Amino acid sequence: MRIAWFIVLLALAGCSTPPASQPAPESGAAPTPLIACPETRPELCTMQYAPACAELVAGGQREYASSCNACADVAVAGYREGPCPK
C-alpha cells in the first residue's frame, strides 16, 4: 500500500505545470529576478527540459536543464528562468 501512494505522489509531482518562461531582457532592461533555492534541496527531479541559469555560491553561472536540477546542486544559490546569456 505504501508503494502505491509513493507512485501516486511521484506521478502528481511530475504533473505540475512549470512557470511560464520570460523573454530575454532587452539591452538596458532589468534582468529577471534571482529565485533562491529552498533550504531543503530536491532529491528527485522530473526529466523536463526548461533551462535555468544558476548563480553559483562561489560566483559565476552555470546552465542546468531545469530549476529542479539546478537547486539539487548544493553549489547553487539561486537561478533565473531561461538559458544563461552567451
Protein backbone atom coordinates (compact mmCIF):
# COMPACT_ATOMS: atom_id res chain seq x y z
CA MET A 1 0.00 0.00 0.00
CA ARG A 2 2.84 2.44 0.81
CA ILE A 3 4.41 1.84 -2.59
CA ALA A 4 1.13 2.68 -4.33
CA TRP A 5 0.91 6.03 -2.51
CA PHE A 6 4.52 6.78 -3.33
CA ILE A 7 3.87 6.13 -7.02
CA VAL A 8 0.77 8.36 -6.97
CA LEU A 9 2.69 11.18 -5.26
CA LEU A 10 5.57 10.80 -7.69
CA ALA A 11 3.18 10.96 -10.65
CA LEU A 12 1.47 14.06 -9.27
CA ALA A 13 4.81 15.79 -8.71
CA GLY A 14 5.61 15.34 -12.40
CA CYS A 15 2.27 16.83 -13.46
CA SER A 16 2.83 20.30 -12.09
CA THR A 17 3.00 22.98 -14.72
CA PRO A 18 6.27 24.87 -14.94
CA PRO A 19 6.23 28.63 -14.62
CA ALA A 20 5.90 30.48 -17.91
CA SER A 21 9.29 31.35 -19.29
CA GLN A 22 10.06 35.00 -19.64
CA PRO A 23 11.54 36.55 -22.76
CA ALA A 24 15.19 37.53 -22.64
CA PRO A 25 15.65 41.03 -21.33
CA GLU A 26 16.45 43.67 -23.93
CA SER A 27 19.62 45.68 -23.54
CA GLY A 28 19.13 48.22 -20.81
CA ALA A 29 16.22 46.26 -19.29
CA ALA A 30 16.46 44.92 -15.76
CA PRO A 31 17.48 41.24 -15.59
CA THR A 32 14.93 38.68 -14.46
CA PRO A 33 14.90 38.29 -10.66
CA LEU A 34 17.01 35.64 -8.97
CA ILE A 35 14.90 32.86 -7.47
CA ALA A 36 16.55 31.44 -4.35
CA CYS A 37 16.82 27.68 -3.94
CA PRO A 38 15.00 26.22 -0.92
CA GLU A 39 16.99 25.09 2.13
CA THR A 40 15.72 21.55 1.60
CA ARG A 41 17.22 20.57 -1.75
CA PRO A 42 15.25 18.33 -4.15
CA GLU A 43 16.39 14.72 -4.23
CA LEU A 44 14.42 13.75 -7.34
CA CYS A 45 13.65 15.82 -10.43
CA THR A 46 11.43 15.05 -13.41
CA MET A 47 13.02 14.74 -16.83
CA GLN A 48 11.72 18.07 -18.04
CA TYR A 49 13.71 20.49 -20.17
CA ALA A 50 13.11 24.07 -19.04
CA PRO A 51 16.57 25.71 -18.94
CA ALA A 52 17.62 27.61 -15.85
CA CYS A 53 20.67 29.82 -15.43
CA ALA A 54 22.05 29.14 -11.96
CA GLU A 55 24.07 31.55 -9.84
CA LEU A 56 26.79 29.58 -8.06
CA VAL A 57 27.65 30.19 -4.40
CA ALA A 58 31.34 30.59 -5.32
CA GLY A 59 30.44 33.05 -8.09
CA GLY A 60 29.72 32.62 -11.75
CA GLN A 61 26.87 30.97 -13.63
CA ARG A 62 26.05 27.53 -14.95
CA GLU A 63 23.15 26.38 -17.11
CA TYR A 64 21.00 23.43 -15.97
CA ALA A 65 18.22 21.51 -17.73
CA SER A 66 15.67 22.72 -15.17
CA SER A 67 15.37 24.73 -11.99
CA CYS A 68 14.95 21.49 -10.05
CA ASN A 69 18.28 20.18 -11.36
CA ALA A 70 19.92 23.50 -10.51
CA CYS A 71 18.65 23.55 -6.93
CA ALA A 72 19.59 19.89 -6.41
CA ASP A 73 23.23 21.03 -6.67
CA VAL A 74 24.45 22.45 -3.33
CA ALA A 75 26.86 24.72 -5.24
CA VAL A 76 23.85 26.73 -6.50
CA ALA A 77 22.46 29.71 -4.57
CA GLY A 78 19.59 30.51 -6.93
CA TYR A 79 18.54 30.60 -10.57
CA ARG A 80 16.90 32.64 -13.28
CA GLU A 81 14.44 31.09 -15.70
CA GLY A 82 15.82 30.57 -19.18
CA PRO A 83 19.26 29.82 -20.56
CA CYS A 84 22.34 31.72 -19.45
CA PRO A 85 23.32 34.68 -21.62
CA LYS A 86 26.12 33.94 -24.05
